[in-house]
Amino acid sequence: VIRELSDDVRRKLAHIASLGAERETRKAAEHFDAGQRVWAGN
């Protein structure tokens, strides 16, 4: 599917994915600080 996407769509999806990864990492730190290690791992 990725091979079939336009460069513009690939770039936009990659940008959204990187923003999502940043948010998930921040939330993981919050869960870890709260002692919720399973949630942090997820």
PDB file of all heavy atoms in Angstrom:
ATOM      1  N   VAL A   1       0.839  -1.202   0.000  1.00  0.00           N
ATOM      2  CA  VAL A   1       0.000   0.000   0.000  1.00  0.00           C
ATOM      3  C   VAL A   1       0.874   1.253   0.000  1.00  0.00           C
ATOM      4  O   VAL A   1       0.616   2.202  -0.747  1.00  0.00           O
ATOM      5  CB  VAL A   1      -0.972   0.006   1.200  1.00  0.00           C
ATOM      6  CG1 VAL A   1      -1.681   1.347   1.330  1.00  0.00           C
ATOM      7  CG2 VAL A   1      -1.988  -1.112   1.067  1.00  0.00           C
ATOM      8  N   ILE A   2       1.923   1.273   0.808  1.00  0.00           N
ATOM      9  CA  ILE A   2       2.800   2.437   0.888  1.00  0.00           C
ATOM     10  C   ILE A   2       3.418   2.749  -0.472  1.00  0.00           C
ATOM     11  O   ILE A   2       3.510   3.910  -0.866  1.00  0.00           O
ATOM     12  CB  ILE A   2       3.886   2.241   1.973  1.00  0.00           C
ATOM     13  CG1 ILE A   2       3.252   2.319   3.366  1.00  0.00           C
ATOM     14  CG2 ILE A   2       4.990   3.291   1.840  1.00  0.00           C
ATOM     15  CD1 ILE A   2       4.191   1.947   4.497  1.00  0.00           C
ATOM     16  N   ARG A   3       3.818   1.717  -1.202  1.00  0.00           N
ATOM     17  CA  ARG A   3       4.394   1.927  -2.537  1.00  0.00           C
ATOM     18  C   ARG A   3       3.401   2.621  -3.465  1.00  0.00           C
ATOM     19  O   ARG A   3       3.807   3.348  -4.369  1.00  0.00           O
ATOM     20  CB  ARG A   3       4.823   0.599  -3.156  1.00  0.00           C
ATOM     21  CG  ARG A   3       6.187   0.151  -2.744  1.00  0.00           C
ATOM     22  CD  ARG A   3       6.683  -0.988  -3.619  1.00  0.00           C
ATOM     23  NE  ARG A   3       5.780  -2.128  -3.649  1.00  0.00           N
ATOM     24  CZ  ARG A   3       5.718  -3.090  -2.740  1.00  0.00           C
ATOM     25  NH1 ARG A   3       6.536  -3.059  -1.719  1.00  0.00           N
ATOM     26  NH2 ARG A   3       4.866  -4.077  -2.846  1.00  0.00           N
ATOM     27  N   GLU A   4       2.114   2.407  -3.238  1.00  0.00           N
ATOM     28  CA  GLU A   4       1.082   2.973  -4.108  1.00  0.00           C
ATOM     29  C   GLU A   4       0.654   4.390  -3.698  1.00  0.00           C
ATOM     30  O   GLU A   4      -0.070   5.051  -4.438  1.00  0.00           O
ATOM     31  CB  GLU A   4      -0.151   2.064  -4.118  1.00  0.00           C
ATOM     32  CG  GLU A   4       0.108   0.698  -4.724  1.00  0.00           C
ATOM     33  CD  GLU A   4       0.453   0.788  -6.209  1.00  0.00           C
ATOM     34  OE1 GLU A   4      -0.193   1.579  -6.923  1.00  0.00           O
ATOM     35  OE2 GLU A   4       1.381   0.088  -6.640  1.00  0.00           O
ATOM     36  N   LEU A   5       1.073   4.853  -2.540  1.00  0.00           N
ATOM     37  CA  LEU A   5       0.685   6.186  -2.072  1.00  0.00           C
ATOM     38  C   LEU A   5       1.526   7.261  -2.749  1.00  0.00           C
ATOM     39  O   LEU A   5       2.705   7.048  -3.043  1.00  0.00           O
ATOM     40  CB  LEU A   5       0.862   6.293  -0.555  1.00  0.00           C
ATOM     41  CG  LEU A   5       0.005   5.372   0.305  1.00  0.00           C
ATOM     42  CD1 LEU A   5       0.419   5.495   1.762  1.00  0.00           C
ATOM     43  CD2 LEU A   5      -1.468   5.659   0.122  1.00  0.00           C
ATOM     44  N   SER A   6       0.932   8.425  -2.936  1.00  0.00           N
ATOM     45  CA  SER A   6       1.704   9.552  -3.478  1.00  0.00           C
ATOM     46  C   SER A   6       2.715  10.004  -2.428  1.00  0.00           C
ATOM     47  O   SER A   6       2.548   9.755  -1.222  1.00  0.00           O
ATOM     48  CB  SER A   6       0.771  10.706  -3.842  1.00  0.00           C
ATOM     49  OG  SER A   6       0.239  11.293  -2.674  1.00  0.00           O
ATOM     50  N   ASP A   7       3.750  10.677  -2.884  1.00  0.00           N
ATOM     51  CA  ASP A   7       4.773  11.183  -1.960  1.00  0.00           C
ATOM     52  C   ASP A   7       4.164  12.138  -0.930  1.00  0.00           C
ATOM     53  O   ASP A   7       4.551  12.125   0.236  1.00  0.00           O
ATOM     54  CB  ASP A   7       5.888  11.898  -2.728  1.00  0.00           C
ATOM     55  CG  ASP A   7       6.755  10.939  -3.521  1.00  0.00           C
ATOM     56  OD1 ASP A   7       6.728   9.721  -3.235  1.00  0.00           O
ATOM     57  OD2 ASP A   7       7.465  11.407  -4.432  1.00  0.00           O
ATOM     58  N   ASP A   8       3.220  12.947  -1.358  1.00  0.00           N
ATOM     59  CA  ASP A   8       2.580  13.904  -0.458  1.00  0.00           C
ATOM     60  C   ASP A   8       1.815  13.190   0.659  1.00  0.00           C
ATOM     61  O   ASP A   8       1.920  13.556   1.831  1.00  0.00           O
ATOM     62  CB  ASP A   8       1.636  14.817  -1.254  1.00  0.00           C
ATOM     63  CG  ASP A   8       1.074  15.935  -0.405  1.00  0.00           C
ATOM     64  OD1 ASP A   8       1.862  16.636   0.253  1.00  0.00           O
ATOM     65  OD2 ASP A   8      -0.160  16.105  -0.405  1.00  0.00           O
ATOM     66  N   VAL A   9       1.069  12.157   0.299  1.00  0.00           N
ATOM     67  CA  VAL A   9       0.305  11.399   1.305  1.00  0.00           C
ATOM     68  C   VAL A   9       1.266  10.676   2.245  1.00  0.00           C
ATOM     69  O   VAL A   9       1.058  10.681   3.472  1.00  0.00           O
ATOM     70  CB  VAL A   9      -0.674  10.412   0.632  1.00  0.00           C
ATOM     71  CG1 VAL A   9      -1.283   9.458   1.641  1.00  0.00           C
ATOM     72  CG2 VAL A   9      -1.753  11.170  -0.109  1.00  0.00           C
ATOM     73  N   ARG A  10       2.314  10.091   1.712  1.00  0.00           N
ATOM     74  CA  ARG A  10       3.303   9.404   2.557  1.00  0.00           C
ATOM     75  C   ARG A  10       3.914  10.377   3.558  1.00  0.00           C
ATOM     76  O   ARG A  10       4.060  10.062   4.741  1.00  0.00           O
ATOM     77  CB  ARG A  10       4.388   8.765   1.696  1.00  0.00           C
ATOM     78  CG  ARG A  10       3.913   7.544   0.948  1.00  0.00           C
ATOM     79  CD  ARG A  10       4.942   7.031  -0.005  1.00  0.00           C
ATOM     80  NE  ARG A  10       6.120   6.562   0.697  1.00  0.00           N
ATOM     81  CZ  ARG A  10       7.119   5.913   0.101  1.00  0.00           C
ATOM     82  NH1 ARG A  10       7.067   5.671  -1.191  1.00  0.00           N
ATOM     83  NH2 ARG A  10       8.160   5.509   0.788  1.00  0.00           N
ATOM     84  N   ARG A  11       4.288  11.574   3.083  1.00  0.00           N
ATOM     85  CA  ARG A  11       4.904  12.571   3.951  1.00  0.00           C
ATOM     86  C   ARG A  11       3.944  13.006   5.054  1.00  0.00           C
ATOM     87  O   ARG A  11       4.326  13.114   6.225  1.00  0.00           O
ATOM     88  CB  ARG A  11       5.353  13.774   3.117  1.00  0.00           C
ATOM     89  CG  ARG A  11       6.137  14.791   3.899  1.00  0.00           C
ATOM     90  CD  ARG A  11       6.694  15.953   3.096  1.00  0.00           C
ATOM     91  NE  ARG A  11       6.080  16.481   1.937  1.00  0.00           N
ATOM     92  CZ  ARG A  11       4.850  17.015   1.767  1.00  0.00           C
ATOM     93  NH1 ARG A  11       4.106  17.068   2.589  1.00  0.00           N
ATOM     94  NH2 ARG A  11       4.365  17.507   0.701  1.00  0.00           N
ATOM     95  N   LYS A  12       2.682  13.237   4.703  1.00  0.00           N
ATOM     96  CA  LYS A  12       1.695  13.658   5.705  1.00  0.00           C
ATOM     97  C   LYS A  12       1.441  12.569   6.738  1.00  0.00           C
ATOM     98  O   LYS A  12       1.371  12.846   7.939  1.00  0.00           O
ATOM     99  CB  LYS A  12       0.387  14.051   5.018  1.00  0.00           C
ATOM    100  CG  LYS A  12       0.480  15.368   4.288  1.00  0.00           C
ATOM    101  CD  LYS A  12      -0.798  15.702   3.557  1.00  0.00           C
ATOM    102  CE  LYS A  12      -0.652  17.006   2.793  1.00  0.00           C
ATOM    103  NZ  LYS A  12      -1.850  17.338   2.020  1.00  0.00           N
ATOM    104  N   LEU A  13       1.314  11.325   6.293  1.00  0.00           N
ATOM    105  CA  LEU A  13       1.099  10.225   7.236  1.00  0.00           C
ATOM    106  C   LEU A  13       2.312  10.031   8.147  1.00  0.00           C
ATOM    107  O   LEU A  13       2.167   9.758   9.340  1.00  0.00           O
ATOM    108  CB  LEU A  13       0.783   8.928   6.484  1.00  0.00           C
ATOM    109  CG  LEU A  13      -0.602   8.844   5.858  1.00  0.00           C
ATOM    110  CD1 LEU A  13      -0.705   7.615   4.952  1.00  0.00           C
ATOM    111  CD2 LEU A  13      -1.682   8.811   6.927  1.00  0.00           C
ATOM    112  N   ALA A  14       3.514  10.186   7.591  1.00  0.00           N
ATOM    113  CA  ALA A  14       4.733  10.055   8.398  1.00  0.00           C
ATOM    114  C   ALA A  14       4.785  11.147   9.462  1.00  0.00           C
ATOM    115  O   ALA A  14       5.165  10.896  10.614  1.00  0.00           O
ATOM    116  CB  ALA A  14       5.973  10.111   7.510  1.00  0.00           C
ATOM    117  N   HIS A  15       4.393  12.352   9.091  1.00  0.00           N
ATOM    118  CA  HIS A  15       4.385  13.466  10.048  1.00  0.00           C
ATOM    119  C   HIS A  15       3.398  13.182  11.184  1.00  0.00           C
ATOM    120  O   HIS A  15       3.722  13.350  12.365  1.00  0.00           O
ATOM    121  CB  HIS A  15       4.023  14.766   9.330  1.00  0.00           C
ATOM    122  CG  HIS A  15       3.986  15.957  10.221  1.00  0.00           C
ATOM    123  ND1 HIS A  15       5.124  16.524  10.737  1.00  0.00           N
ATOM    124  CD2 HIS A  15       2.951  16.675  10.707  1.00  0.00           C
ATOM    125  CE1 HIS A  15       4.795  17.543  11.509  1.00  0.00           C
ATOM    126  NE2 HIS A  15       3.473  17.661  11.503  1.00  0.00           N
ATOM    127  N   ILE A  16       2.214  12.720  10.830  1.00  0.00           N
ATOM    128  CA  ILE A  16       1.202  12.376  11.839  1.00  0.00           C
ATOM    129  C   ILE A  16       1.702  11.249  12.739  1.00  0.00           C
ATOM    130  O   ILE A  16       1.526  11.289  13.958  1.00  0.00           O
ATOM    131  CB  ILE A  16      -0.132  12.008  11.161  1.00  0.00           C
ATOM    132  CG1 ILE A  16      -0.734  13.237  10.487  1.00  0.00           C
ATOM    133  CG2 ILE A  16      -1.112  11.403  12.168  1.00  0.00           C
ATOM    134  CD1 ILE A  16      -1.873  12.932   9.531  1.00  0.00           C
ATOM    135  N   ALA A  17       2.359  10.248  12.149  1.00  0.00           N
ATOM    136  CA  ALA A  17       2.891   9.126  12.939  1.00  0.00           C
ATOM    137  C   ALA A  17       3.955   9.604  13.918  1.00  0.00           C
ATOM    138  O   ALA A  17       3.985   9.169  15.075  1.00  0.00           O
ATOM    139  CB  ALA A  17       3.452   8.047  12.018  1.00  0.00           C
ATOM    140  N   SER A  18       4.819  10.505  13.468  1.00  0.00           N
ATOM    141  CA  SER A  18       5.870  10.990  14.379  1.00  0.00           C
ATOM    142  C   SER A  18       5.278  11.815  15.517  1.00  0.00           C
ATOM    143  O   SER A  18       5.735  11.724  16.658  1.00  0.00           O
ATOM    144  CB  SER A  18       6.931  11.790  13.609  1.00  0.00           C
ATOM    145  OG  SER A  18       6.386  12.983  13.097  1.00  0.00           O
ATOM    146  N   LEU A  19       4.245  12.611  15.225  1.00  0.00           N
ATOM    147  CA  LEU A  19       3.567  13.354  16.292  1.00  0.00           C
ATOM    148  C   LEU A  19       2.889  12.393  17.273  1.00  0.00           C
ATOM    149  O   LEU A  19       2.921  12.606  18.489  1.00  0.00           O
ATOM    150  CB  LEU A  19       2.527  14.313  15.700  1.00  0.00           C
ATOM    151  CG  LEU A  19       3.064  15.490  14.896  1.00  0.00           C
ATOM    152  CD1 LEU A  19       1.915  16.257  14.254  1.00  0.00           C
ATOM    153  CD2 LEU A  19       3.917  16.401  15.751  1.00  0.00           C
ATOM    154  N   GLY A  20       2.295  11.329  16.749  1.00  0.00           N
ATOM    155  CA  GLY A  20       1.659  10.326  17.596  1.00  0.00           C
ATOM    156  C   GLY A  20       2.671   9.614  18.477  1.00  0.00           C
ATOM    157  O   GLY A  20       2.409   9.346  19.659  1.00  0.00           O
ATOM    158  N   ALA A  21       3.838   9.311  17.910  1.00  0.00           N
ATOM    159  CA  ALA A  21       4.887   8.641  18.693  1.00  0.00           C
ATOM    160  C   ALA A  21       5.355   9.539  19.833  1.00  0.00           C
ATOM    161  O   ALA A  21       5.573   9.071  20.962  1.00  0.00           O
ATOM    162  CB  ALA A  21       6.058   8.266  17.789  1.00  0.00           C
ATOM    163  N   GLU A  22       5.483  10.825  19.553  1.00  0.00           N
ATOM    164  CA  GLU A  22       5.886  11.771  20.596  1.00  0.00           C
ATOM    165  C   GLU A  22       4.847  11.814  21.718  1.00  0.00           C
ATOM    166  O   GLU A  22       5.186  11.765  22.906  1.00  0.00           O
ATOM    167  CB  GLU A  22       6.056  13.166  19.991  1.00  0.00           C
ATOM    168  CG  GLU A  22       6.428  14.219  21.012  1.00  0.00           C
ATOM    169  CD  GLU A  22       6.469  15.619  20.424  1.00  0.00           C
ATOM    170  OE1 GLU A  22       6.062  15.820  19.269  1.00  0.00           O
ATOM    171  OE2 GLU A  22       6.895  16.524  21.164  1.00  0.00           O
ATOM    172  N   ARG A  23       3.581  11.881  21.355  1.00  0.00           N
ATOM    173  CA  ARG A  23       2.506  11.923  22.348  1.00  0.00           C
ATOM    174  C   ARG A  23       2.475  10.632  23.174  1.00  0.00           C
ATOM    175  O   ARG A  23       2.338  10.673  24.403  1.00  0.00           O
ATOM    176  CB  ARG A  23       1.154  12.128  21.665  1.00  0.00           C
ATOM    177  CG  ARG A  23      -0.001  12.174  22.633  1.00  0.00           C
ATOM    178  CD  ARG A  23      -1.343  12.369  21.908  1.00  0.00           C
ATOM    179  NE  ARG A  23      -2.438  12.540  22.835  1.00  0.00           N
ATOM    180  CZ  ARG A  23      -3.029  11.554  23.501  1.00  0.00           C
ATOM    181  NH1 ARG A  23      -2.626  10.317  23.365  1.00  0.00           N
ATOM    182  NH2 ARG A  23      -4.014  11.805  24.328  1.00  0.00           N
ATOM    183  N   GLU A  24       2.603   9.494  22.512  1.00  0.00           N
ATOM    184  CA  GLU A  24       2.570   8.215  23.225  1.00  0.00           C
ATOM    185  C   GLU A  24       3.747   8.087  24.187  1.00  0.00           C
ATOM    186  O   GLU A  24       3.607   7.552  25.294  1.00  0.00           O
ATOM    187  CB  GLU A  24       2.570   7.048  22.226  1.00  0.00           C
ATOM    188  CG  GLU A  24       1.281   6.900  21.451  1.00  0.00           C
ATOM    189  CD  GLU A  24       0.091   6.602  22.346  1.00  0.00           C
ATOM    190  OE1 GLU A  24       0.149   5.637  23.131  1.00  0.00           O
ATOM    191  OE2 GLU A  24      -0.905   7.348  22.261  1.00  0.00           O
ATOM    192  N   THR A  25       4.908   8.589  23.798  1.00  0.00           N
ATOM    193  CA  THR A  25       6.083   8.546  24.675  1.00  0.00           C
ATOM    194  C   THR A  25       5.861   9.420  25.902  1.00  0.00           C
ATOM    195  O   THR A  25       6.189   9.033  27.031  1.00  0.00           O
ATOM    196  CB  THR A  25       7.339   8.994  23.907  1.00  0.00           C
ATOM    197  OG1 THR A  25       7.514   8.134  22.768  1.00  0.00           O
ATOM    198  CG2 THR A  25       8.576   8.934  24.772  1.00  0.00           C
ATOM    199  N   ARG A  26       5.297  10.588  25.689  1.00  0.00           N
ATOM    200  CA  ARG A  26       4.998  11.490  26.817  1.00  0.00           C
ATOM    201  C   ARG A  26       3.992  10.850  27.767  1.00  0.00           C
ATOM    202  O   ARG A  26       4.155  10.882  28.989  1.00  0.00           O
ATOM    203  CB  ARG A  26       4.472  12.825  26.270  1.00  0.00           C
ATOM    204  CG  ARG A  26       4.293  13.892  27.312  1.00  0.00           C
ATOM    205  CD  ARG A  26       3.911  15.255  26.719  1.00  0.00           C
ATOM    206  NE  ARG A  26       2.701  15.211  25.914  1.00  0.00           N
ATOM    207  CZ  ARG A  26       2.648  15.311  24.570  1.00  0.00           C
ATOM    208  NH1 ARG A  26       3.751  15.450  23.884  1.00  0.00           N
ATOM    209  NH2 ARG A  26       1.498  15.268  23.928  1.00  0.00           N
ATOM    210  N   LYS A  27       2.943  10.232  27.206  1.00  0.00           N
ATOM    211  CA  LYS A  27       1.939   9.564  28.042  1.00  0.00           C
ATOM    212  C   LYS A  27       2.555   8.372  28.781  1.00  0.00           C
ATOM    213  O   LYS A  27       2.194   8.095  29.922  1.00  0.00           O
ATOM    214  CB  LYS A  27       0.752   9.105  27.199  1.00  0.00           C
ATOM    215  CG  LYS A  27      -0.045  10.243  26.560  1.00  0.00           C
ATOM    216  CD  LYS A  27      -0.573  11.223  27.580  1.00  0.00           C
ATOM    217  CE  LYS A  27      -1.974  10.893  27.968  1.00  0.00           C
ATOM    218  NZ  LYS A  27      -2.529  11.807  28.955  1.00  0.00           N
ATOM    219  N   ALA A  28       3.469   7.672  28.133  1.00  0.00           N
ATOM    220  CA  ALA A  28       4.140   6.546  28.795  1.00  0.00           C
ATOM    221  C   ALA A  28       4.903   7.026  30.025  1.00  0.00           C
ATOM    222  O   ALA A  28       4.869   6.378  31.079  1.00  0.00           O
ATOM    223  CB  ALA A  28       5.087   5.841  27.822  1.00  0.00           C
ATOM    224  N   ALA A  29       5.569   8.156  29.898  1.00  0.00           N
ATOM    225  CA  ALA A  29       6.309   8.705  31.041  1.00  0.00           C
ATOM    226  C   ALA A  29       5.363   9.052  32.187  1.00  0.00           C
ATOM    227  O   ALA A  29       5.671   8.794  33.361  1.00  0.00           O
ATOM    228  CB  ALA A  29       7.098   9.939  30.604  1.00  0.00           C
ATOM    229  N   GLU A  30       4.208   9.604  31.842  1.00  0.00           N
ATOM    230  CA  GLU A  30       3.213   9.931  32.874  1.00  0.00           C
ATOM    231  C   GLU A  30       2.728   8.664  33.579  1.00  0.00           C
ATOM    232  O   GLU A  30       2.616   8.633  34.808  1.00  0.00           O
ATOM    233  CB  GLU A  30       2.023  10.662  32.256  1.00  0.00           C
ATOM    234  CG  GLU A  30       2.343  12.055  31.765  1.00  0.00           C
ATOM    235  CD  GLU A  30       1.208  12.687  30.985  1.00  0.00           C
ATOM    236  OE1 GLU A  30       0.065  12.145  31.013  1.00  0.00           O
ATOM    237  OE2 GLU A  30       1.441  13.728  30.347  1.00  0.00           O
ATOM    238  N   HIS A  31       2.447   7.627  32.812  1.00  0.00           N
ATOM    239  CA  HIS A  31       2.003   6.364  33.409  1.00  0.00           C
ATOM    240  C   HIS A  31       3.106   5.753  34.269  1.00  0.00           C
ATOM    241  O   HIS A  31       2.837   5.235  35.360  1.00  0.00           O
ATOM    242  CB  HIS A  31       1.582   5.365  32.329  1.00  0.00           C
ATOM    243  CG  HIS A  31       0.266   5.673  31.694  1.00  0.00           C
ATOM    244  ND1 HIS A  31      -0.912   5.768  32.390  1.00  0.00           N
ATOM    245  CD2 HIS A  31      -0.058   5.909  30.397  1.00  0.00           C
ATOM    246  CE1 HIS A  31      -1.908   6.043  31.568  1.00  0.00           C
ATOM    247  NE2 HIS A  31      -1.406   6.141  30.347  1.00  0.00           N
ATOM    248  N   PHE A  32       4.331   5.813  33.786  1.00  0.00           N
ATOM    249  CA  PHE A  32       5.448   5.248  34.535  1.00  0.00           C
ATOM    250  C   PHE A  32       5.632   5.991  35.859  1.00  0.00           C
ATOM    251  O   PHE A  32       5.811   5.368  36.909  1.00  0.00           O
ATOM    252  CB  PHE A  32       6.731   5.306  33.697  1.00  0.00           C
ATOM    253  CG  PHE A  32       7.847   4.509  34.273  1.00  0.00           C
ATOM    254  CD1 PHE A  32       7.895   3.133  34.089  1.00  0.00           C
ATOM    255  CD2 PHE A  32       8.853   5.115  35.007  1.00  0.00           C
ATOM    256  CE1 PHE A  32       8.928   2.384  34.629  1.00  0.00           C
ATOM    257  CE2 PHE A  32       9.883   4.369  35.550  1.00  0.00           C
ATOM    258  CZ  PHE A  32       9.922   3.001  35.358  1.00  0.00           C
ATOM    259  N   ASP A  33       5.559   7.313  35.797  1.00  0.00           N
ATOM    260  CA  ASP A  33       5.683   8.112  37.028  1.00  0.00           C
ATOM    261  C   ASP A  33       4.570   7.808  38.019  1.00  0.00           C
ATOM    262  O   ASP A  33       4.772   7.903  39.230  1.00  0.00           O
ATOM    263  CB  ASP A  33       5.680   9.612  36.701  1.00  0.00           C
ATOM    264  CG  ASP A  33       6.962  10.072  36.041  1.00  0.00           C
ATOM    265  OD1 ASP A  33       7.971   9.326  36.088  1.00  0.00           O
ATOM    266  OD2 ASP A  33       6.960  11.183  35.456  1.00  0.00           O
ATOM    267  N   ALA A  34       3.400   7.428  37.514  1.00  0.00           N
ATOM    268  CA  ALA A  34       2.265   7.100  38.379  1.00  0.00           C
ATOM    269  C   ALA A  34       2.308   5.648  38.848  1.00  0.00           C
ATOM    270  O   ALA A  34       1.391   5.192  39.529  1.00  0.00           O
ATOM    271  CB  ALA A  34       0.958   7.365  37.633  1.00  0.00           C
ATOM    272  N   GLY A  35       3.365   4.926  38.479  1.00  0.00           N
ATOM    273  CA  GLY A  35       3.503   3.538  38.904  1.00  0.00           C
ATOM    274  C   GLY A  35       2.716   2.551  38.063  1.00  0.00           C
ATOM    275  O   GLY A  35       2.573   1.391  38.434  1.00  0.00           O
ATOM    276  N   GLN A  36       2.208   2.994  36.942  1.00  0.00           N
ATOM    277  CA  GLN A  36       1.403   2.142  36.056  1.00  0.00           C
ATOM    278  C   GLN A  36       2.298   1.602  34.931  1.00  0.00           C
ATOM    279  O   GLN A  36       2.210   2.022  33.789  1.00  0.00           O
ATOM    280  CB  GLN A  36       0.222   2.937  35.486  1.00  0.00           C
ATOM    281  CG  GLN A  36      -0.683   3.482  36.550  1.00  0.00           C
ATOM    282  CD  GLN A  36      -1.657   4.511  36.002  1.00  0.00           C
ATOM    283  OE1 GLN A  36      -1.393   5.174  35.022  1.00  0.00           O
ATOM    284  NE2 GLN A  36      -2.792   4.640  36.674  1.00  0.00           N
ATOM    285  N   ARG A  37       3.133   0.654  35.280  1.00  0.00           N
ATOM    286  CA  ARG A  37       4.151   0.176  34.339  1.00  0.00           C
ATOM    287  C   ARG A  37       3.572  -0.576  33.144  1.00  0.00           C
ATOM    288  O   ARG A  37       4.105  -0.492  32.053  1.00  0.00           O
ATOM    289  CB  ARG A  37       5.171  -0.676  35.076  1.00  0.00           C
ATOM    290  CG  ARG A  37       5.977   0.148  36.043  1.00  0.00           C
ATOM    291  CD  ARG A  37       6.982  -0.675  36.787  1.00  0.00           C
ATOM    292  NE  ARG A  37       7.702   0.183  37.704  1.00  0.00           N
ATOM    293  CZ  ARG A  37       8.990   0.096  37.899  1.00  0.00           C
ATOM    294  NH1 ARG A  37       9.686  -0.814  37.291  1.00  0.00           N
ATOM    295  NH2 ARG A  37       9.569   0.911  38.737  1.00  0.00           N
ATOM    296  N   VAL A  38       2.493  -1.294  33.338  1.00  0.00           N
ATOM    297  CA  VAL A  38       1.890  -2.009  32.206  1.00  0.00           C
ATOM    298  C   VAL A  38       1.360  -1.006  31.194  1.00  0.00           C
ATOM    299  O   VAL A  38       1.591  -1.135  29.990  1.00  0.00           O
ATOM    300  CB  VAL A  38       0.786  -2.975  32.675  1.00  0.00           C
ATOM    301  CG1 VAL A  38       0.035  -3.556  31.481  1.00  0.00           C
ATOM    302  CG2 VAL A  38       1.386  -4.105  33.515  1.00  0.00           C
ATOM    303  N   TRP A  39       0.659   0.009  31.688  1.00  0.00           N
ATOM    304  CA  TRP A  39       0.144   1.046  30.790  1.00  0.00           C
ATOM    305  C   TRP A  39       1.298   1.765  30.102  1.00  0.00           C
ATOM    306  O   TRP A  39       1.220   2.082  28.904  1.00  0.00           O
ATOM    307  CB  TRP A  39      -0.719   2.049  31.552  1.00  0.00           C
ATOM    308  CG  TRP A  39      -2.085   1.531  31.855  1.00  0.00           C
ATOM    309  CD1 TRP A  39      -2.520   1.007  33.032  1.00  0.00           C
ATOM    310  CD2 TRP A  39      -3.191   1.454  30.951  1.00  0.00           C
ATOM    311  NE1 TRP A  39      -3.832   0.615  32.926  1.00  0.00           N
ATOM    312  CE2 TRP A  39      -4.270   0.881  31.656  1.00  0.00           C
ATOM    313  CE3 TRP A  39      -3.366   1.816  29.631  1.00  0.00           C
ATOM    314  CZ2 TRP A  39      -5.507   0.669  31.079  1.00  0.00           C
ATOM    315  CZ3 TRP A  39      -4.610   1.608  29.047  1.00  0.00           C
ATOM    316  CH2 TRP A  39      -5.657   1.038  29.760  1.00  0.00           C
ATOM    317  N   ALA A  40       2.357   2.040  30.850  1.00  0.00           N
ATOM    318  CA  ALA A  40       3.522   2.703  30.262  1.00  0.00           C
ATOM    319  C   ALA A  40       4.114   1.841  29.150  1.00  0.00           C
ATOM    320  O   ALA A  40       4.455   2.338  28.080  1.00  0.00           O
ATOM    321  CB  ALA A  40       4.578   2.978  31.340  1.00  0.00           C
ATOM    322  N   GLY A  41       4.221   0.553  29.400  1.00  0.00           N
ATOM    323  CA  GLY A  41       4.760  -0.364  28.389  1.00  0.00           C
ATOM    324  C   GLY A  41       3.900  -0.409  27.141  1.00  0.00           C
ATOM    325  O   GLY A  41       4.414  -0.422  26.019  1.00  0.00           O
ATOM    326  N   ASN A  42       2.585  -0.414  27.340  1.00  0.00           N
ATOM    327  CA  ASN A  42       1.679  -0.404  26.189  1.00  0.00           C
ATOM    328  C   ASN A  42       1.854   0.861  25.359  1.00  0.00           C
ATOM    329  O   ASN A  42       1.863   0.816  24.124  1.00  0.00           O
ATOM    330  CB  ASN A  42       0.223  -0.525  26.645  1.00  0.00           C
ATOM    331  CG  ASN A  42      -0.088  -1.885  27.218  1.00  0.00           C
ATOM    332  OD1 ASN A  42       0.617  -2.862  26.984  1.00  0.00           O
ATOM    333  ND2 ASN A  42      -1.148  -1.961  28.005  1.00  0.00           N
TER     334      ASN A  42
END
